[in-house]
Protein backbone atom coordinates (compact mmCIF):
# COMPACT_ATOMS: atom_id res chain seq x y z
CA MET A 1 -11.68 11.60 15.30
CA ILE A 2 -9.02 10.61 14.42
CA PRO A 3 -7.28 13.21 12.34
CA ALA A 4 -6.13 12.11 8.19
CA VAL A 5 -2.81 12.11 7.70
CA ASN A 6 -0.79 14.18 5.18
CA GLU A 7 -0.79 11.71 2.20
CA LYS A 8 1.65 14.45 -0.36
CA ARG A 9 3.90 15.41 2.52
CA MET A 10 4.12 11.86 3.08
CA VAL A 11 5.22 10.71 -0.61
CA GLU A 12 7.19 14.20 -0.62
CA LEU A 13 9.49 13.02 2.40
CA PHE A 14 9.42 9.13 1.02
CA CYS A 15 10.93 10.59 -1.96
CA GLU A 16 13.64 12.93 -0.43
CA LEU A 17 14.97 10.21 2.15
CA ALA A 18 15.23 7.83 -0.65
CA ALA A 19 17.13 9.92 -2.51
CA ILE A 20 19.63 10.05 0.05
CA PRO A 21 22.01 7.53 -0.82
CA SER A 22 22.72 4.91 2.54
CA LEU A 23 23.36 1.40 1.76
CA SER A 24 24.77 -0.45 5.08
CA GLY A 25 27.42 1.39 6.84
CA ARG A 26 27.13 4.61 4.67
CA GLU A 27 24.13 5.96 6.41
CA GLY A 28 25.18 9.14 7.79
CA ALA A 29 24.11 11.64 5.02
CA ILE A 30 20.13 10.64 6.08
CA ALA A 31 21.59 9.88 9.45
CA ARG A 32 21.13 14.17 9.64
CA ARG A 33 18.65 14.83 7.66
CA LEU A 34 17.25 12.52 10.00
CA SER A 35 18.66 13.83 13.21
CA VAL A 36 17.73 17.58 12.27
CA LEU A 37 13.97 17.12 11.36
CA LEU A 38 13.45 15.42 14.53
CA LYS A 39 15.33 18.16 16.68
CA LEU A 40 12.66 20.20 14.69
CA MET A 41 9.33 18.19 15.95
CA GLY A 42 10.87 18.62 19.33
CA ALA A 43 12.50 15.47 20.34
CA GLU A 44 15.47 15.57 22.63
CA VAL A 45 18.18 13.03 20.12
CA HIS A 46 21.60 11.11 20.67
CA THR A 47 23.73 9.40 18.69
CA ASP A 48 25.29 5.91 20.25
CA ASP A 49 28.25 3.99 19.15
CA ALA A 50 26.64 1.75 16.92
CA GLY A 51 28.61 3.15 13.83
CA ARG A 52 32.16 2.16 15.57
CA LYS A 53 31.30 -0.78 16.57
CA ALA A 54 29.76 -1.92 12.75
CA GLY A 55 31.70 -0.31 10.83
CA GLY A 56 30.05 2.37 9.22
CA GLU A 57 30.28 5.61 9.14
CA THR A 58 27.31 6.14 12.18
CA GLY A 59 25.73 4.74 15.10
CA ASN A 60 22.34 4.40 15.18
CA LEU A 61 19.53 6.88 16.32
CA ILE A 62 17.73 7.36 19.33
CA ALA A 63 14.95 10.33 19.77
CA ARG A 64 12.65 10.52 22.33
CA PHE A 65 9.64 13.08 21.56
CA PRO A 66 7.45 14.02 25.54
CA GLY A 67 4.62 12.35 26.82
CA THR A 68 1.89 13.94 27.27
CA ALA A 69 -0.17 11.06 29.07
CA ALA A 70 0.15 9.48 31.59
CA ALA A 71 0.61 6.14 29.29
CA GLU A 72 4.45 3.96 28.89
CA PRO A 73 6.60 4.80 26.54
CA PHE A 74 5.62 3.79 23.11
CA LEU A 75 8.60 2.49 20.62
CA LEU A 76 8.73 3.57 16.94
CA CYS A 77 11.24 1.70 14.46
CA ALA A 78 11.99 1.37 10.90
CA HIS A 79 15.74 1.19 10.25
CA MET A 80 18.04 3.67 7.69
CA ASP A 81 20.29 2.03 5.34
CA THR A 82 19.06 0.17 2.47
CA VAL A 83 20.83 -2.79 -0.34
CA GLY A 84 22.24 -1.07 -3.33
CA PRO A 85 22.12 -0.37 -6.20
CA ALA A 86 21.67 2.74 -4.97
CA ALA A 87 23.90 5.44 -6.26
CA GLY A 88 21.82 7.80 -7.58
CA VAL A 89 18.47 7.25 -6.79
CA ARG A 90 15.90 9.02 -8.81
CA PRO A 91 11.84 8.20 -7.40
CA ARG A 92 9.18 8.57 -9.88
CA VAL A 93 5.69 8.85 -8.33
CA GLY A 94 3.06 7.59 -10.23
CA ARG A 95 -0.70 7.21 -9.71
CA ASP A 96 -0.49 3.93 -7.28
CA ARG A 97 2.49 3.42 -6.65
CA VAL A 98 6.70 5.22 -6.78
CA THR A 99 9.54 3.78 -8.15
CA SER A 100 12.69 4.12 -9.23
CA ASP A 101 14.43 4.59 -13.21
CA GLY A 102 14.55 1.24 -12.75
CA ASN A 103 18.74 1.40 -12.41
CA THR A 104 19.04 1.37 -8.48
CA VAL A 105 16.41 0.13 -5.63
CA LEU A 106 13.99 2.55 -4.34
CA GLY A 107 15.08 2.20 -0.40
CA ALA A 108 11.30 1.43 0.17
CA ASP A 109 13.19 -0.51 2.41
CA CYS A 110 12.88 0.80 4.59
CA LYS A 111 12.72 4.39 4.31
CA ALA A 112 8.79 4.08 3.87
CA GLY A 113 8.85 3.30 7.15
CA ILE A 114 10.65 5.79 8.92
CA ALA A 115 7.92 8.41 6.35
CA VAL A 116 5.15 7.04 8.45
CA ILE A 117 6.93 7.69 11.58
CA LEU A 118 7.40 11.08 11.63
CA GLU A 119 4.25 11.84 9.48
CA VAL A 120 2.55 10.36 12.43
CA LEU A 121 4.09 12.32 14.63
CA ARG A 122 3.48 15.38 12.91
CA THR A 123 0.12 14.91 12.31
CA MET A 124 -0.66 13.77 16.76
CA ASP A 125 1.24 17.69 17.40
CA GLU A 126 -0.19 19.42 14.46
CA ASN A 127 -3.19 18.26 15.84
CA ARG A 128 -2.20 17.84 19.22
CA LEU A 129 -3.28 14.59 20.44
CA ARG A 130 -2.25 13.38 23.75
CA ARG A 131 0.58 11.21 23.11
CA PRO A 132 2.74 8.81 25.35
CA PRO A 133 6.33 9.57 25.63
CA VAL A 134 8.02 8.35 22.36
CA GLU A 135 10.83 6.18 21.62
CA VAL A 136 12.20 7.04 17.90
CA VAL A 137 15.24 4.36 16.80
CA PHE A 138 16.47 4.90 13.53
CA THR A 139 18.71 1.79 13.39
CA VAL A 140 22.13 2.04 10.38
CA SER A 141 22.94 -1.84 9.45
CA GLU A 142 19.83 -3.69 9.85
CA GLU A 143 20.83 -5.18 5.91
CA MET A 144 24.17 -6.48 6.92
CA ALA A 145 22.84 -9.58 9.32
CA LEU A 146 20.77 -6.55 11.66
CA LEU A 147 23.94 -5.00 13.28
CA GLY A 148 22.40 -1.95 14.62
CA ALA A 149 20.33 -3.48 16.76
CA LYS A 150 22.54 -5.37 17.81
CA TYR A 151 25.03 -2.87 19.17
CA LEU A 152 22.69 -1.15 19.86
CA ASP A 153 21.96 1.40 22.97
CA TYR A 154 19.40 -0.20 25.07
CA GLY A 155 20.20 1.69 28.21
CA ARG A 156 18.69 4.61 26.62
CA LEU A 157 15.34 3.12 25.47
CA LYS A 158 12.84 2.38 28.33
CA ALA A 159 10.32 1.12 26.04
CA ARG A 160 8.63 -2.35 26.50
CA ARG A 161 6.59 -2.35 23.82
CA GLY A 162 5.81 -0.60 20.03
CA LEU A 163 6.73 -1.26 16.70
CA ILE A 164 8.81 -2.07 13.88
CA LEU A 165 7.64 0.06 10.80
CA ASP A 166 9.71 -2.23 8.04
CA SER A 167 7.08 -5.68 5.57
CA GLU A 168 6.71 -6.08 2.45
CA GLN A 169 3.57 -8.01 3.25
CA PRO A 170 0.31 -7.05 2.56
CA VAL A 171 -1.11 -5.17 4.70
CA GLU A 172 -3.35 -6.72 7.10
CA ASN A 173 -0.55 -8.82 7.47
CA VAL A 174 0.92 -8.82 10.89
CA ILE A 175 4.75 -10.32 12.08
CA THR A 176 5.05 -11.70 14.94
CA SER A 177 6.66 -14.83 14.49
CA ALA A 178 10.42 -15.04 12.42
CA PRO A 179 12.75 -17.07 12.56
CA ALA A 180 16.31 -17.79 14.16
CA ALA A 181 19.32 -17.83 11.76
CA ASP A 182 22.77 -19.98 11.78
CA ARG A 183 25.44 -19.01 9.51
CA MET A 184 28.35 -20.83 8.89
CA GLU A 185 31.61 -20.80 7.36
CA ILE A 186 32.66 -24.55 6.62
CA LYS A 187 36.69 -24.62 5.04
CA VAL A 188 37.37 -28.46 3.77
CA TYR A 189 41.36 -29.25 3.68
CA GLY A 190 42.61 -31.79 0.73
CA ALA A 191 45.36 -32.80 -0.32
CA ALA A 192 47.06 -31.16 -3.38
CA ALA A 193 48.46 -33.92 -6.71
CA HIS A 194 48.88 -33.25 -10.41
CA SER A 195 46.22 -34.87 -11.80
CA GLY A 196 47.21 -35.63 -14.74
CA VAL A 197 50.40 -37.90 -12.96
CA ALA A 198 49.43 -38.61 -9.80
CA PRO A 199 45.33 -38.65 -8.64
CA GLU A 200 46.07 -41.12 -6.95
CA LYS A 201 48.25 -39.19 -4.22
CA GLY A 202 45.33 -35.47 -3.66
CA ILE A 203 42.52 -35.50 -1.75
CA SER A 204 40.09 -33.30 -3.99
CA ALA A 205 38.46 -31.24 -1.14
CA ILE A 206 35.29 -30.10 -3.98
CA GLN A 207 34.78 -34.02 -3.92
CA VAL A 208 34.62 -34.05 -0.62
CA VAL A 209 32.40 -31.46 -0.07
CA SER A 210 29.86 -33.08 -3.90
CA ASP A 211 29.56 -35.64 -0.97
CA ALA A 212 28.94 -33.99 1.74
CA VAL A 213 26.43 -31.52 0.05
CA ALA A 214 24.91 -33.38 -1.15
CA ARG A 215 23.50 -35.41 1.72
CA MET A 216 22.45 -32.71 3.44
CA LYS A 217 18.84 -31.84 3.44
CA LEU A 218 18.61 -28.46 2.13
CA GLY A 219 15.66 -26.08 0.81
CA ARG A 220 12.89 -25.54 3.55
CA ILE A 221 13.24 -28.50 5.49
CA ASP A 222 9.54 -28.24 7.07
CA ARG A 223 7.22 -25.21 7.81
CA GLU A 224 9.51 -23.86 10.58
CA THR A 225 12.46 -24.65 9.85
CA THR A 226 14.67 -23.91 5.74
CA ALA A 227 18.59 -23.78 5.14
CA ASN A 228 21.27 -23.40 2.48
CA ILE A 229 24.76 -23.27 1.40
CA GLY A 230 24.75 -20.21 -0.60
CA SER A 231 28.74 -20.31 -1.96
CA ILE A 232 31.33 -22.87 -2.33
CA SER A 233 35.22 -21.28 -3.85
CA GLY A 234 38.03 -23.65 -4.50
CA GLY A 235 40.62 -25.35 -6.03
CA CYS A 236 43.72 -24.40 -7.75
CA ALA A 237 44.15 -25.27 -12.26
CA SER A 238 42.30 -28.22 -13.81
CA ASN A 239 45.81 -29.76 -13.52
CA ILE A 240 45.62 -30.31 -9.63
CA VAL A 241 44.10 -31.91 -7.47
CA PRO A 242 41.53 -29.17 -5.41
CA PRO A 243 43.09 -28.47 -2.30
CA PHE A 244 41.14 -26.33 -0.42
CA VAL A 245 37.34 -25.20 -0.55
CA GLU A 246 35.57 -23.29 1.77
CA LEU A 247 31.63 -22.98 1.59
CA SER A 248 29.00 -20.53 3.87
CA GLY A 249 25.89 -20.94 4.58
CA GLU A 250 22.73 -20.78 6.74
CA ALA A 251 20.17 -22.40 8.70
CA ARG A 252 17.20 -21.07 10.06
CA SER A 253 14.02 -21.77 12.23
CA HIS A 254 11.14 -20.74 14.58
CA ASP A 255 11.51 -23.27 16.69
CA PRO A 256 15.62 -23.26 18.52
CA ALA A 257 15.53 -27.03 19.05
CA ARG A 258 14.76 -27.42 15.53
CA LEU A 259 17.35 -25.47 14.42
CA ARG A 260 20.55 -27.13 16.50
CA ARG A 261 19.03 -30.21 15.00
CA GLN A 262 20.31 -28.47 11.44
CA THR A 263 23.21 -26.89 12.02
CA ARG A 264 23.81 -30.62 13.66
CA HIS A 265 22.89 -32.33 10.97
CA MET A 266 25.09 -30.33 8.30
CA GLU A 267 28.06 -30.35 10.18
CA ASP A 268 27.95 -34.59 10.56
CA CYS A 269 27.14 -34.51 6.49
CA LEU A 270 30.35 -33.11 6.47
CA LYS A 271 31.94 -35.00 9.08
CA LYS A 272 30.96 -38.48 7.79
CA ALA A 273 32.38 -37.03 4.31
CA VAL A 274 35.50 -36.49 5.51
CA ARG A 275 35.58 -40.25 7.91
CA ARG A 276 34.95 -42.16 4.29
CA VAL A 277 38.18 -40.79 2.70
CA ARG A 278 41.37 -42.04 3.36
CA VAL A 279 44.97 -42.86 0.82
CA ARG A 280 47.97 -43.91 0.90
CA ALA A 281 50.96 -42.44 -0.84
CA ASP A 282 54.08 -42.72 -0.44
CA GLY A 283 54.44 -44.79 2.83
CA LYS A 284 51.31 -42.56 5.11
CA THR A 285 47.99 -42.45 5.04
CA LEU A 286 46.03 -39.02 4.49
CA THR A 287 42.98 -38.47 5.61
CA PRO A 288 41.07 -35.27 4.92
CA ARG A 289 40.05 -32.47 7.57
CA TYR A 290 37.49 -30.03 7.56
CA GLU A 291 36.60 -26.20 10.29
CA PHE A 292 32.98 -25.66 10.68
CA LEU A 293 31.97 -22.41 12.05
CA VAL A 294 28.88 -21.66 13.48
CA GLU A 295 28.01 -17.79 14.47
CA PRO A 296 24.45 -16.81 15.55
CA LYS A 297 23.15 -14.08 13.13
CA PHE A 298 20.26 -13.03 15.03
CA PRO A 299 17.80 -14.85 17.85
CA ASN A 300 13.81 -15.77 16.88
CA LEU A 301 11.17 -13.66 17.89
CA ARG A 302 7.57 -15.34 19.36
CA ILE A 303 5.31 -12.59 20.12
CA GLY A 304 2.31 -14.09 21.78
CA ARG A 305 -1.51 -13.35 21.98
CA SER A 306 -1.27 -11.66 25.28
CA ASN A 307 0.56 -8.34 23.69
CA PRO A 308 -1.02 -5.56 24.74
CA VAL A 309 -0.30 -3.85 20.89
CA LEU A 310 -2.04 -7.26 18.88
CA PRO A 311 -5.37 -5.70 20.27
CA LEU A 312 -4.75 -2.54 19.85
CA ILE A 313 -3.34 -3.35 15.72
CA ALA A 314 -7.00 -5.75 15.03
CA ALA A 315 -9.61 -2.11 16.23
CA ALA A 316 -7.64 -0.56 13.98
CA MET A 317 -8.27 -2.29 11.07
CA LYS A 318 -10.95 -2.93 11.86
CA GLU A 319 -11.75 0.37 11.53
CA GLU A 320 -9.34 0.37 7.84
CA GLY A 321 -12.72 -2.95 7.04
CA LEU A 322 -9.78 -5.39 7.63
CA LYS A 323 -8.65 -7.65 9.33
CA MET A 324 -5.49 -8.34 11.13
CA LYS A 325 -3.54 -11.22 10.89
CA PRO A 326 -1.24 -12.75 12.91
CA SER A 327 1.98 -13.41 10.36
CA ALA A 328 5.43 -15.25 10.49
CA SER A 329 7.43 -13.79 8.21
CA GLY A 330 11.39 -16.06 6.42
CA GLY A 331 13.71 -13.05 7.26
CA GLY A 332 14.66 -11.67 10.58
CA THR A 333 14.41 -8.15 10.93
CA ASP A 334 15.11 -5.64 14.20
CA ALA A 335 12.36 -6.72 15.78
CA ASN A 336 14.09 -10.18 16.24
CA ILE A 337 16.91 -8.60 18.79
CA LEU A 338 15.00 -6.08 20.44
CA PHE A 339 12.81 -8.75 21.23
CA ARG A 340 15.24 -10.83 23.35
CA HIS A 341 16.35 -7.28 24.93
CA GLY A 342 12.93 -7.56 26.64
CA ILE A 343 11.15 -5.55 24.00
CA GLU A 344 8.09 -7.19 21.93
CA ALA A 345 7.22 -5.20 18.92
CA PRO A 346 4.97 -6.53 16.47
CA VAL A 347 6.06 -5.50 12.99
CA LEU A 348 3.78 -3.29 9.97
CA ALA A 349 3.99 -3.89 5.69
CA THR A 350 3.68 -0.07 5.07
CA GLY A 351 3.56 -0.84 1.26
CA MET A 352 6.79 -1.42 0.03
CA ARG A 353 7.13 -4.54 -2.51
CA ALA A 354 10.04 -6.28 -4.86
CA VAL A 355 12.58 -4.86 -2.20
CA HIS A 356 16.60 -5.88 -3.06
CA THR A 357 15.67 -5.64 -6.48
CA THR A 358 15.13 -2.90 -8.92
CA GLY A 359 12.00 -3.61 -9.48
CA GLU A 360 11.27 -2.89 -5.90
CA TYR A 361 8.00 -0.38 -5.59
CA LEU A 362 6.06 1.54 -2.94
CA GLU A 363 1.92 0.64 -3.49
CA LEU A 364 1.07 4.13 -2.22
CA LYS A 365 -2.68 3.08 -1.08
CA ASP A 366 -1.02 0.57 1.61
CA PHE A 367 1.81 3.43 2.58
CA PHE A 368 -1.30 5.60 3.55
CA ALA A 369 -3.09 2.98 5.74
CA CYS A 370 0.12 1.82 7.75
CA ALA A 371 0.58 5.83 8.77
CA ARG A 372 -3.09 5.06 9.54
CA LEU A 373 -3.75 2.31 11.61
CA THR A 374 0.18 3.29 13.01
CA LEU A 375 -1.04 6.46 14.49
CA LYS A 376 -4.69 5.59 15.51
CA VAL A 377 -2.53 2.39 17.80
CA LEU A 378 -0.22 5.39 18.69
CA GLU A 379 -2.63 6.91 20.45
CA ALA A 380 -5.24 3.90 21.55
CA TRP A 381 -2.12 3.57 23.19
CA THR A 382 -2.40 7.34 24.85
CA ARG A 383 -5.40 5.99 26.28
CA THR A 384 -4.27 3.40 28.67
CA LYS A 385 -2.94 2.81 31.99
CA ASP A 386 0.73 2.98 33.42
CA ASP A 387 0.68 0.13 35.00
CA ARG A 388 0.90 -2.81 32.24
CA ASN A 389 3.55 -5.84 32.87
């Protein structure tokens, strides 16, 4: 019989953590608090140098709890940072949810996941449940293109399987697939001229860009692929033919080949728009030029049905009267980066809703269910033999 989690303690801990400011790159205060809590719980705690590499206050927290059973190590992971506005978060506990006062985000993304992890380990310890060696990772700068996970000291980890606590989907949905993403920084150079006196001597970078973007396939490309131009800036004044425009965009796909194809398509549209413009001025032929810089944001996540954690999740959900639904996400999480490093960790929903808005809230029913599911999965993993590949 699996013991009950302490729901009152979970809410109190979440509210304490939510009130600690922890914007990306400024996670020092919450990292110090969590380090104390982890050590009091008997963990060996390390801080890696991800903070230095990412330009933040602190690195990722890596805590190791010794096992009491001969099972494979198991990873539990959530991120410490939040988006803004997050100055002076005041959690308000209602009958079925926790909210902010409406002036800030709540920070359930992802402090709900942190609270779940700590409560599960406390419950196992208090009830003397056998457990595998547990490695806890609390990352920094997840909201900044997963920088903490990218700079994580993987040499300190032995676990190859685990769970990420970081999803706002319904609790039955378990994220096993997420897209890879490319970030694009685009610059287009035209030629300045007086727009009233000699516009024919100029090349409007805005016009070139407009032509290119109008021909790009954007938004939902197919079932697995999306693309977006997120910002455009440039020009000098209303009486000057604009000589420069800068754009930023991205493409995402669950299929790396489709991602490459979409990125090439967007550059081809820009290349063709540039080639279509040729201006003769003062005896010279002027043409625009462009720079198209692509940076991978994160790799894709694709956890197959053979993953040994998934049947444990399914069994735990069945006990809760739920049916597990392997699901795809349109966004990236630390699971994407861990997957690239050989760690398969499905993503569980924690009850967070309306994330990245001042209307964010924590649905307590799913918050508590996430803790029960995590506890059951960890206890079931304890009963496995240390013979997995």
